[in-house]
C-alpha atoms as a PDB file:
ATOM      1  CA  MET A   1       0.000   0.000   0.000  1.00  0.00           C
ATOM      2  CA  ASN A   2       1.366   3.387  -1.008  1.00  0.00           C
ATOM      3  CA  ILE A   3       0.222   6.583   0.648  1.00  0.00           C
ATOM      4  CA  SER A   4       1.171   9.985  -0.705  1.00  0.00           C
ATOM      5  CA  GLU A   5       0.794  13.400   0.867  1.00  0.00           C
ATOM      6  CA  ALA A   6      -2.203  14.022  -1.408  1.00  0.00           C
ATOM      7  CA  ASP A   7      -4.042  11.202   0.388  1.00  0.00           C
ATOM      8  CA  LEU A   8      -3.766  12.890   3.796  1.00  0.00           C
ATOM      9  CA  ASP A   9      -5.711  15.760   5.299  1.00  0.00           C
ATOM     10  CA  GLU A  10      -3.961  18.931   6.436  1.00  0.00           C
ATOM     11  CA  THR A  11      -4.165  18.048  10.130  1.00  0.00           C
ATOM     12  CA  THR A  12      -2.444  14.721   9.571  1.00  0.00           C
ATOM     13  CA  LEU A  13       0.227  16.339   7.396  1.00  0.00           C
ATOM     14  CA  LYS A  14       0.889  18.949  10.090  1.00  0.00           C
ATOM     15  CA  ASP A  15       1.137  16.221  12.737  1.00  0.00           C
ATOM     16  CA  ILE A  16       3.628  14.298  10.595  1.00  0.00           C
ATOM     17  CA  LYS A  17       5.771  17.385   9.995  1.00  0.00           C
ATOM     18  CA  ASP A  18       5.703  18.216  13.709  1.00  0.00           C
ATOM     19  CA  LYS A  19       6.881  14.680  14.549  1.00  0.00           C
ATOM     20  CA  GLN A  20       9.607  14.910  11.909  1.00  0.00           C
ATOM     21  CA  THR A  21      10.817  18.171  13.431  1.00  0.00           C
ATOM     22  CA  LEU A  22      10.812  16.597  16.898  1.00  0.00           C
ATOM     23  CA  VAL A  23      12.864  13.642  15.642  1.00  0.00           C
ATOM     24  CA  ILE A  24      15.381  15.904  13.921  1.00  0.00           C
ATOM     25  CA  ASN A  25      15.754  18.085  17.014  1.00  0.00           C
ATOM     26  CA  THR A  26      16.226  15.025  19.222  1.00  0.00           C
ATOM     27  CA  LEU A  27      18.893  13.644  16.902  1.00  0.00           C
ATOM     28  CA  LEU A  28      20.675  16.984  16.725  1.00  0.00           C
ATOM     29  CA  GLU A  29      20.751  17.049  20.521  1.00  0.00           C
ATOM     30  CA  LYS A  30      22.678  13.762  20.341  1.00  0.00           C
ATOM     31  CA  LEU A  31      25.477  15.703  18.626  1.00  0.00           C
ATOM     32  CA  ASN A  32      25.919  17.942  21.668  1.00  0.00           C
ATOM     33  CA  PRO A  33      29.572  17.936  22.809  1.00  0.00           C
ATOM     34  CA  ASP A  34      28.434  16.934  26.304  1.00  0.00           C
ATOM     35  CA  ASN A  35      27.179  13.565  25.021  1.00  0.00           C
ATOM     36  CA  ILE A  36      29.348  10.484  24.638  1.00  0.00           C
ATOM     37  CA  GLU A  37      30.873   9.372  21.344  1.00  0.00           C
ATOM     38  CA  ASP A  38      28.333   6.567  20.923  1.00  0.00           C
ATOM     39  CA  ASP A  39      25.503   9.124  21.016  1.00  0.00           C
ATOM     40  CA  HIS A  40      27.302  11.161  18.355  1.00  0.00           C
ATOM     41  CA  LEU A  41      27.807   8.159  16.094  1.00  0.00           C
ATOM     42  CA  ASN A  42      24.240   6.923  16.510  1.00  0.00           C
ATOM     43  CA  GLY A  43      22.767  10.369  15.932  1.00  0.00           C
ATOM     44  CA  CYS A  44      24.920  10.933  12.833  1.00  0.00           C
ATOM     45  CA  THR A  45      24.059   7.540  11.380  1.00  0.00           C
ATOM     46  CA  VAL A  46      20.312   8.065  11.733  1.00  0.00           C
ATOM     47  CA  LEU A  47      20.471  11.635  10.399  1.00  0.00           C
ATOM     48  CA  ILE A  48      22.484  10.538   7.360  1.00  0.00           C
ATOM     49  CA  ASP A  49      20.031   7.720   6.619  1.00  0.00           C
ATOM     50  CA  MET A  50      17.097  10.107   6.952  1.00  0.00           C
ATOM     51  CA  ILE A  51      18.686  12.703   4.676  1.00  0.00           C
ATOM     52  CA  GLU A  52      19.651  10.170   2.022  1.00  0.00           C
ATOM     53  CA  ASN A  53      16.236   8.512   1.939  1.00  0.00           C
ATOM     54  CA  ASN A  54      13.764  11.343   2.358  1.00  0.00           C
ATOM     55  CA  LYS A  55      13.773  14.796   0.777  1.00  0.00           C
ATOM     56  CA  ASN A  56      11.354  16.166   3.389  1.00  0.00           C
ATOM     57  CA  PHE A  57      13.751  15.338   6.199  1.00  0.00           C
ATOM     58  CA  TYR A  58      16.603  16.948   4.257  1.00  0.00           C
ATOM     59  CA  GLN A  59      14.596  20.145   3.784  1.00  0.00           C
ATOM     60  CA  GLN A  60      13.692  20.303   7.464  1.00  0.00           C
ATOM     61  CA  PHE A  61      17.223  19.477   8.492  1.00  0.00           C
ATOM     62  CA  MET A  62      18.594  22.332   6.394  1.00  0.00           C
ATOM     63  CA  LYS A  63      16.247  24.788   8.144  1.00  0.00           C
ATOM     64  CA  LYS A  64      18.175  24.365  11.394  1.00  0.00           C
ATOM     65  CA  GLU A  65      20.162  27.488  12.239  1.00  0.00           C
ATOM     66  CA  ILE A  66      23.141  25.603  13.645  1.00  0.00           C
ATOM     67  CA  ILE A  67      24.042  24.059  10.312  1.00  0.00           C
END
């Protein structure tokens, strides 16, 4: 089953984008210098996978001011 953005109502799309933003922010927090190296590696790995596989995540990721 394939679902596209056109199949979803605006409320659902907003909820999805909000969750995506939350995930990105949580992963970026893993890159904080106060965290251990394993957190950095795990956060980087997930962020890279998300960016490579989903344009929406890339666009949201690039909106972050710290980049």
